[in-house]
Amino acid sequence: MRLLAHLLCALPLVWLGGLAALDRLGANPVEAAIRFTGDWGLRILLLSLAVTPLRQVAGLSALAPYRRMLGLWGFAYAVTHLLGYVVFDQFFDWDNIGHEILKHKFITAGMAAFTLLVPLAVTSTQGMIKRMGGGAWRRLHRLVYVAVPLAALHYIWMVKAGRTQPSIYLAIALLLLLCRWVYAWRR
């Protein structure tokens, strides 16, 4: 099952590669690829956030081992999204990237979300959990509760029209966080 889960998470990248190979990314392939990887990063991060509420509410405890894997796949898509922006959109123009981060609130939110995800990815090994201790590790990983809504805001603020899909993602993120809060409050 873990192999199948990894394959399913990798499938959008294979799809993107196929679209690129067939020159089917539209008039602005760089923008299409950046958006595609950002969309999938957010979707997979939302799936990782959904594991605990599904486990708690629906009793689907078999999903627990997939939470960290999904988080790391979501981070991988976020890295690919950011690299697409830095390498193919900005051509490593660090001055302009810094200017854009300060100028555009959607880029500010996206960079803040990514920055919060970095320590989570770095500490997602069994060795790091052991070194940090379970309590400290869990406290650090609560940053995801800020990072995912920030990523959804990044998406909402980025689009100029058609905000329905990004708004749905934000609503899902907030609903999942509310479920966690209600469950923790009831205990």
Foldseek 3Di string as FASTA:
>chain_A
DVVVVVCVLCVLVVVLVVCVVVVNQPPDNLVSLLVSLLVSLLVLLLVLLVQVLCCVVVVPCVCVVCNLVSLLSSLVSLVVNVCSCCCVVVNVPVVVLVVCCVPAVLNVLSVVLNVLSVVLNVQSDPVSCVVCDVVSNVVSVCSSLVSSLSSLVSVQSPDPDDSPVSVVSNVSSVVSVVSVVVVVVVD
